[in-house]
PDB file of N, CA and C in Angstrom:
ATOM      1  N   UNK A   1      70.981 -96.359 178.884  1.00  0.00           N
ATOM      2  CA  UNK A   1      72.189 -96.051 178.125  1.00  0.00           C
ATOM      3  C   UNK A   1      71.763 -95.560 176.741  1.00  0.00           C
ATOM      4  N   UNK A   2      72.360 -94.495 176.305  1.00  0.00           N
ATOM      5  CA  UNK A   2      72.039 -93.947 174.984  1.00  0.00           C
ATOM      6  C   UNK A   2      72.642 -94.825 173.889  1.00  0.00           C
ATOM      7  N   UNK A   3      72.061 -94.788 172.691  1.00  0.00           N
ATOM      8  CA  UNK A   3      72.654 -95.548 171.584  1.00  0.00           C
ATOM      9  C   UNK A   3      74.113 -95.163 171.331  1.00  0.00           C
ATOM     10  N   UNK A   4      74.426 -93.898 171.485  1.00  0.00           N
ATOM     11  CA  UNK A   4      75.798 -93.450 171.236  1.00  0.00           C
ATOM     12  C   UNK A   4      76.751 -94.027 172.280  1.00  0.00           C
ATOM     13  N   UNK A   5      76.330 -94.027 173.524  1.00  0.00           N
ATOM     14  CA  UNK A   5      77.157 -94.619 174.575  1.00  0.00           C
ATOM     15  C   UNK A   5      77.300 -96.124 174.343  1.00  0.00           C
ATOM     16  N   UNK A   6      76.223 -96.781 173.940  1.00  0.00           N
ATOM     17  CA  UNK A   6      76.277 -98.209 173.661  1.00  0.00           C
ATOM     18  C   UNK A   6      77.247 -98.516 172.527  1.00  0.00           C
ATOM     19  N   UNK A   7      77.186 -97.734 171.472  1.00  0.00           N
ATOM     20  CA  UNK A   7      78.109 -97.916 170.340  1.00  0.00           C
ATOM     21  C   UNK A   7      79.554 -97.717 170.799  1.00  0.00           C
ATOM     22  N   UNK A   8      79.772 -96.666 171.573  1.00  0.00           N
ATOM     23  CA  UNK A   8      81.133 -96.380 172.048  1.00  0.00           C
ATOM     24  C   UNK A   8      81.667 -97.527 172.903  1.00  0.00           C
ATOM     25  N   UNK A   9      80.860 -97.988 173.841  1.00  0.00           N
ATOM     26  CA  UNK A   9      81.311 -99.063 174.735  1.00  0.00           C
ATOM     27  C   UNK A   9      81.510-100.371 173.978  1.00  0.00           C
ATOM     28  N   UNK A  10      80.604-100.689 173.040  1.00  0.00           N
ATOM     29  CA  UNK A  10      80.753-101.912 172.240  1.00  0.00           C
ATOM     30  C   UNK A  10      82.023-101.867 171.410  1.00  0.00           C
ATOM     31  N   UNK A  11      82.431-100.668 171.044  1.00  0.00           N
ATOM     32  CA  UNK A  11      83.637-100.484 170.245  1.00  0.00           C
ATOM     33  C   UNK A  11      84.905-100.465 171.092  1.00  0.00           C
ATOM     34  N   UNK A  12      84.734-100.461 172.409  1.00  0.00           N
ATOM     35  CA  UNK A  12      85.889-100.451 173.308  1.00  0.00           C
ATOM     36  C   UNK A  12      86.617 -99.123 173.337  1.00  0.00           C
ATOM     37  N   UNK A  13      85.889 -98.047 173.056  1.00  0.00           N
ATOM     38  CA  UNK A  13      86.515 -96.729 172.995  1.00  0.00           C
ATOM     39  C   UNK A  13      86.158 -95.880 174.209  1.00  0.00           C
ATOM     40  N   UNK A  14      87.090 -95.060 174.624  1.00  0.00           N
ATOM     41  CA  UNK A  14      86.805 -94.044 175.631  1.00  0.00           C
ATOM     42  C   UNK A  14      86.120 -92.878 174.937  1.00  0.00           C
ATOM     43  N   UNK A  15      85.563 -91.981 175.718  1.00  0.00           N
ATOM     44  CA  UNK A  15      84.984 -90.782 175.112  1.00  0.00           C
ATOM     45  C   UNK A  15      86.049 -90.007 174.342  1.00  0.00           C
ATOM     46  N   UNK A  16      87.243 -89.921 174.892  1.00  0.00           N
ATOM     47  CA  UNK A  16      88.322 -89.185 174.228  1.00  0.00           C
ATOM     48  C   UNK A  16      88.701 -89.833 172.898  1.00  0.00           C
ATOM     49  N   UNK A  17      88.763 -91.179 172.876  1.00  0.00           N
ATOM     50  CA  UNK A  17      89.129 -91.881 171.639  1.00  0.00           C
ATOM     51  C   UNK A  17      88.044 -91.718 170.574  1.00  0.00           C
ATOM     52  N   UNK A  18      86.771 -91.804 170.985  1.00  0.00           N
ATOM     53  CA  UNK A  18      85.690 -91.603 170.022  1.00  0.00           C
ATOM     54  C   UNK A  18      85.690 -90.169 169.516  1.00  0.00           C
ATOM     55  N   UNK A  19      85.962 -89.235 170.406  1.00  0.00           N
ATOM     56  CA  UNK A  19      86.034 -87.827 170.006  1.00  0.00           C
ATOM     57  C   UNK A  19      87.101 -87.623 168.933  1.00  0.00           C
ATOM     58  N   UNK A  20      88.247 -88.237 169.130  1.00  0.00           N
ATOM     59  CA  UNK A  20      89.331 -88.113 168.147  1.00  0.00           C
ATOM     60  C   UNK A  20      88.903 -88.707 166.804  1.00  0.00           C
ATOM     61  N   UNK A  21      88.247 -89.864 166.847  1.00  0.00           N
ATOM     62  CA  UNK A  21      87.782 -90.529 165.631  1.00  0.00           C
ATOM     63  C   UNK A  21      86.784 -89.660 164.859  1.00  0.00           C
ATOM     64  N   UNK A  22      85.915 -88.962 165.604  1.00  0.00           N
ATOM     65  CA  UNK A  22      84.889 -88.125 164.967  1.00  0.00           C
ATOM     66  C   UNK A  22      85.325 -86.674 164.766  1.00  0.00           C
ATOM     67  N   UNK A  23      86.519 -86.351 165.205  1.00  0.00           N
ATOM     68  CA  UNK A  23      87.055 -84.986 165.102  1.00  0.00           C
ATOM     69  C   UNK A  23      86.178 -83.972 165.841  1.00  0.00           C
ATOM     70  N   UNK A  24      85.821 -84.351 167.077  1.00  0.00           N
ATOM     71  CA  UNK A  24      85.097 -83.450 167.979  1.00  0.00           C
ATOM     72  C   UNK A  24      85.806 -83.515 169.329  1.00  0.00           C
ATOM     73  N   UNK A  25      85.314 -82.773 170.303  1.00  0.00           N
ATOM     74  CA  UNK A  25      85.920 -82.806 171.630  1.00  0.00           C
ATOM     75  C   UNK A  25      85.287 -83.898 172.482  1.00  0.00           C
ATOM     76  N   UNK A  26      85.988 -84.275 173.533  1.00  0.00           N
ATOM     77  CA  UNK A  26      85.447 -85.253 174.486  1.00  0.00           C
ATOM     78  C   UNK A  26      84.170 -84.710 175.109  1.00  0.00           C
ATOM     79  N   UNK A  27      84.131 -83.425 175.350  1.00  0.00           N
ATOM     80  CA  UNK A  27      82.936 -82.790 175.907  1.00  0.00           C
ATOM     81  C   UNK A  27      81.730 -82.967 174.978  1.00  0.00           C
ATOM     82  N   UNK A  28      81.968 -82.889 173.688  1.00  0.00           N
ATOM     83  CA  UNK A  28      80.891 -83.089 172.713  1.00  0.00           C
ATOM     84  C   UNK A  28      80.353 -84.511 172.796  1.00  0.00           C
ATOM     85  N   UNK A  29      81.235 -85.492 172.922  1.00  0.00           N
ATOM     86  CA  UNK A  29      80.797 -86.883 173.053  1.00  0.00           C
ATOM     87  C   UNK A  29      79.954 -87.039 174.312  1.00  0.00           C
ATOM     88  N   UNK A  30      80.390 -86.458 175.393  1.00  0.00           N
ATOM     89  CA  UNK A  30      79.645 -86.506 176.645  1.00  0.00           C
ATOM     90  C   UNK A  30      78.246 -85.899 176.463  1.00  0.00           C
ATOM     91  N   UNK A  31      78.171 -84.783 175.763  1.00  0.00           N
ATOM     92  CA  UNK A  31      76.879 -84.141 175.504  1.00  0.00           C
ATOM     93  C   UNK A  31      76.004 -85.002 174.595  1.00  0.00           C
ATOM     94  N   UNK A  32      76.593 -85.660 173.614  1.00  0.00           N
ATOM     95  CA  UNK A  32      75.838 -86.594 172.774  1.00  0.00           C
ATOM     96  C   UNK A  32      75.218 -87.687 173.641  1.00  0.00           C
ATOM     97  N   UNK A  33      76.048 -88.260 174.501  1.00  0.00           N
ATOM     98  CA  UNK A  33      75.596 -89.388 175.316  1.00  0.00           C
ATOM     99  C   UNK A  33      74.507 -88.990 176.304  1.00  0.00           C
ATOM    100  N   UNK A  34      74.548 -87.779 176.804  1.00  0.00           N
ATOM    101  CA  UNK A  34      73.519 -87.298 177.739  1.00  0.00           C
ATOM    102  C   UNK A  34      72.286 -86.758 177.023  1.00  0.00           C
ATOM    103  N   UNK A  35      72.342 -86.688 175.698  1.00  0.00           N
ATOM    104  CA  UNK A  35      71.203 -86.196 174.930  1.00  0.00           C
ATOM    105  C   UNK A  35      71.051 -84.689 174.936  1.00  0.00           C
ATOM    106  N   UNK A  36      72.091 -83.986 175.336  1.00  0.00           N
ATOM    107  CA  UNK A  36      72.043 -82.528 175.367  1.00  0.00           C
ATOM    108  C   UNK A  36      72.149 -81.932 173.969  1.00  0.00           C
ATOM    109  N   UNK A  37      72.927 -82.572 173.127  1.00  0.00           N
ATOM    110  CA  UNK A  37      73.041 -82.193 171.724  1.00  0.00           C
ATOM    111  C   UNK A  37      73.027 -83.470 170.893  1.00  0.00           C
ATOM    112  N   UNK A  38      72.762 -83.333 169.619  1.00  0.00           N
ATOM    113  CA  UNK A  38      72.748 -84.483 168.711  1.00  0.00           C
ATOM    114  C   UNK A  38      73.833 -84.301 167.660  1.00  0.00           C
ATOM    115  N   UNK A  39      74.408 -85.398 167.201  1.00  0.00           N
ATOM    116  CA  UNK A  39      75.446 -85.292 166.166  1.00  0.00           C
ATOM    117  C   UNK A  39      74.847 -84.833 164.843  1.00  0.00           C
ATOM    118  N   UNK A  40      75.673 -84.158 164.042  1.00  0.00           N
ATOM    119  CA  UNK A  40      75.192 -83.823 162.698  1.00  0.00           C
ATOM    120  C   UNK A  40      75.095 -85.118 161.899  1.00  0.00           C
ATOM    121  N   UNK A  41      74.500 -85.051 160.741  1.00  0.00           N
ATOM    122  CA  UNK A  41      74.215 -86.257 159.964  1.00  0.00           C
ATOM    123  C   UNK A  41      75.487 -87.032 159.600  1.00  0.00           C
ATOM    124  N   UNK A  42      76.555 -86.328 159.274  1.00  0.00           N
ATOM    125  CA  UNK A  42      77.811 -87.011 158.923  1.00  0.00           C
ATOM    126  C   UNK A  42      78.354 -87.798 160.109  1.00  0.00           C
ATOM    127  N   UNK A  43      78.295 -87.214 161.301  1.00  0.00           N
ATOM    128  CA  UNK A  43      78.766 -87.902 162.503  1.00  0.00           C
ATOM    129  C   UNK A  43      77.848 -89.068 162.832  1.00  0.00           C
ATOM    130  N   UNK A  44      76.541 -88.889 162.639  1.00  0.00           N
ATOM    131  CA  UNK A  44      75.587 -89.965 162.902  1.00  0.00           C
ATOM    132  C   UNK A  44      75.865 -91.163 161.991  1.00  0.00           C
ATOM    133  N   UNK A  45      76.160 -90.897 160.740  1.00  0.00           N
ATOM    134  CA  UNK A  45      76.492 -91.976 159.804  1.00  0.00           C
ATOM    135  C   UNK A  45      77.748 -92.715 160.280  1.00  0.00           C
ATOM    136  N   UNK A  46      78.752 -91.974 160.708  1.00  0.00           N
ATOM    137  CA  UNK A  46      79.976 -92.597 161.215  1.00  0.00           C
ATOM    138  C   UNK A  46      79.684 -93.459 162.438  1.00  0.00           C
ATOM    139  N   UNK A  47      78.838 -92.961 163.334  1.00  0.00           N
ATOM    140  CA  UNK A  47      78.509 -93.705 164.542  1.00  0.00           C
ATOM    141  C   UNK A  47      77.756 -94.991 164.228  1.00  0.00           C
ATOM    142  N   UNK A  48      76.772 -94.907 163.344  1.00  0.00           N
ATOM    143  CA  UNK A  48      76.005 -96.099 162.972  1.00  0.00           C
ATOM    144  C   UNK A  48      76.931 -97.128 162.313  1.00  0.00           C
ATOM    145  N   UNK A  49      77.803 -96.672 161.454  1.00  0.00           N
ATOM    146  CA  UNK A  49      78.753 -97.568 160.792  1.00  0.00           C
ATOM    147  C   UNK A  49      79.683 -98.232 161.810  1.00  0.00           C
ATOM    148  N   UNK A  50      80.177 -97.464 162.758  1.00  0.00           N
ATOM    149  CA  UNK A  50      81.027 -97.998 163.815  1.00  0.00           C
ATOM    150  C   UNK A  50      80.264 -99.046 164.623  1.00  0.00           C
ATOM    151  N   UNK A  51      79.027 -98.743 164.946  1.00  0.00           N
ATOM    152  CA  UNK A  51      78.200 -99.687 165.692  1.00  0.00           C
ATOM    153  C   UNK A  51      78.000-100.987 164.943  1.00  0.00           C
ATOM    154  N   UNK A  52      77.757-100.905 163.649  1.00  0.00           N
ATOM    155  CA  UNK A  52      77.544-102.117 162.852  1.00  0.00           C
ATOM    156  C   UNK A  52      78.784-102.995 162.837  1.00  0.00           C
ATOM    157  N   UNK A  53      79.965-102.380 162.829  1.00  0.00           N
ATOM    158  CA  UNK A  53      81.209-103.161 162.865  1.00  0.00           C
ATOM    159  C   UNK A  53      81.373-103.919 164.179  1.00  0.00           C
ATOM    160  N   UNK A  54      80.625-103.483 165.197  1.00  0.00           N
ATOM    161  CA  UNK A  54      80.732-104.109 166.515  1.00  0.00           C
ATOM    162  C   UNK A  54      79.410-104.743 166.953  1.00  0.00           C
ATOM    163  N   UNK A  55      78.604-105.136 165.976  1.00  0.00           N
ATOM    164  CA  UNK A  55      77.403-105.909 166.266  1.00  0.00           C
ATOM    165  C   UNK A  55      76.189-105.139 166.722  1.00  0.00           C
ATOM    166  N   UNK A  56      76.210-103.836 166.608  1.00  0.00           N
ATOM    167  CA  UNK A  56      75.052-103.032 166.998  1.00  0.00           C
ATOM    168  C   UNK A  56      74.255-102.679 165.750  1.00  0.00           C
ATOM    169  N   UNK A  57      72.944-102.744 165.838  1.00  0.00           N
ATOM    170  CA  UNK A  57      72.075-102.527 164.679  1.00  0.00           C
ATOM    171  C   UNK A  57      71.251-101.252 164.810  1.00  0.00           C
ATOM    172  N   UNK A  58      71.895-100.160 165.058  1.00  0.00           N
ATOM    173  CA  UNK A  58      71.187 -98.876 165.145  1.00  0.00           C
ATOM    174  C   UNK A  58      70.995 -98.280 163.762  1.00  0.00           C
ATOM    175  N   UNK A  59      69.921 -97.530 163.639  1.00  0.00           N
ATOM    176  CA  UNK A  59      69.680 -96.737 162.441  1.00  0.00           C
ATOM    177  C   UNK A  59      70.009 -95.288 162.788  1.00  0.00           C
ATOM    178  N   UNK A  60      70.230 -94.477 161.787  1.00  0.00           N
ATOM    179  CA  UNK A  60      70.518 -93.063 162.037  1.00  0.00           C
ATOM    180  C   UNK A  60      69.407 -92.437 162.871  1.00  0.00           C
ATOM    181  N   UNK A  61      68.165 -92.787 162.579  1.00  0.00           N
ATOM    182  CA  UNK A  61      67.025 -92.234 163.306  1.00  0.00           C
ATOM    183  C   UNK A  61      67.114 -92.519 164.806  1.00  0.00           C
ATOM    184  N   UNK A  62      67.695 -93.655 165.160  1.00  0.00           N
ATOM    185  CA  UNK A  62      67.809 -94.030 166.568  1.00  0.00           C
ATOM    186  C   UNK A  62      68.668 -93.049 167.364  1.00  0.00           C
ATOM    187  N   UNK A  63      69.597 -92.397 166.692  1.00  0.00           N
ATOM    188  CA  UNK A  63      70.476 -91.458 167.379  1.00  0.00           C
ATOM    189  C   UNK A  63      69.781 -90.137 167.673  1.00  0.00           C
ATOM    190  N   UNK A  64      68.620 -89.931 167.095  1.00  0.00           N
ATOM    191  CA  UNK A  64      67.896 -88.676 167.273  1.00  0.00           C
ATOM    192  C   UNK A  64      66.636 -88.834 168.117  1.00  0.00           C
ATOM    193  N   UNK A  65      66.381 -90.032 168.634  1.00  0.00           N
ATOM    194  CA  UNK A  65      65.217 -90.262 169.466  1.00  0.00           C
ATOM    195  C   UNK A  65      65.485 -89.737 170.873  1.00  0.00           C
ATOM    196  N   UNK A  66      64.473 -89.110 171.481  1.00  0.00           N
ATOM    197  CA  UNK A  66      64.679 -88.644 172.856  1.00  0.00           C
ATOM    198  C   UNK A  66      64.755 -89.833 173.809  1.00  0.00           C
ATOM    199  N   UNK A  67      65.548 -89.687 174.835  1.00  0.00           N
ATOM    200  CA  UNK A  67      65.678 -90.720 175.855  1.00  0.00           C
ATOM    201  C   UNK A  67      64.416 -90.715 176.719  1.00  0.00           C
ATOM    202  N   UNK A  68      63.942 -91.875 177.111  1.00  0.00           N
ATOM    203  CA  UNK A  68      62.854 -91.959 178.062  1.00  0.00           C
ATOM    204  C   UNK A  68      63.425 -91.899 179.459  1.00  0.00           C
ATOM    205  N   UNK A  69      62.936 -90.969 180.246  1.00  0.00           N
ATOM    206  CA  UNK A  69      63.379 -90.831 181.622  1.00  0.00           C
ATOM    207  C   UNK A  69      62.464 -91.657 182.525  1.00  0.00           C
ATOM    208  N   UNK A  70      62.911 -91.970 183.732  1.00  0.00           N
ATOM    209  CA  UNK A  70      62.096 -92.727 184.687  1.00  0.00           C
ATOM    210  C   UNK A  70      60.739 -92.055 184.880  1.00  0.00           C
ATOM    211  N   UNK A  71      60.713 -90.737 185.006  1.00  0.00           N
ATOM    212  CA  UNK A  71      59.467 -90.007 185.255  1.00  0.00           C
ATOM    213  C   UNK A  71      58.492 -90.152 184.090  1.00  0.00           C
ATOM    214  N   UNK A  72      58.984 -90.419 182.894  1.00  0.00           N
ATOM    215  CA  UNK A  72      58.111 -90.563 181.730  1.00  0.00           C
ATOM    216  C   UNK A  72      57.276 -91.836 181.790  1.00  0.00           C
ATOM    217  N   UNK A  73      57.667 -92.784 182.629  1.00  0.00           N
ATOM    218  CA  UNK A  73      56.958 -94.053 182.741  1.00  0.00           C
ATOM    219  C   UNK A  73      55.821 -93.986 183.749  1.00  0.00           C
ATOM    220  N   UNK A  74      55.761 -92.945 184.545  1.00  0.00           N
ATOM    221  CA  UNK A  74      54.743 -92.843 185.599  1.00  0.00           C
ATOM    222  C   UNK A  74      53.411 -92.368 185.066  1.00  0.00           C
TER     223      UNK A  74
END
């Protein structure tokens, strides 16, 4: 699970609700969660702040780390 997806789920938000909060589209949230695109710095700050309100301790840098795939462990 990506940090962004974890923050969203911990916050009890749907992709559509998080998109509205960040003033982006639901498709953009989906792309963030899949690691296809990364949020700009302002959105990353909002996400980290949202996560902290819900007990998540991510740093901005964590939102820009590449996901490890199963094949990367072999």
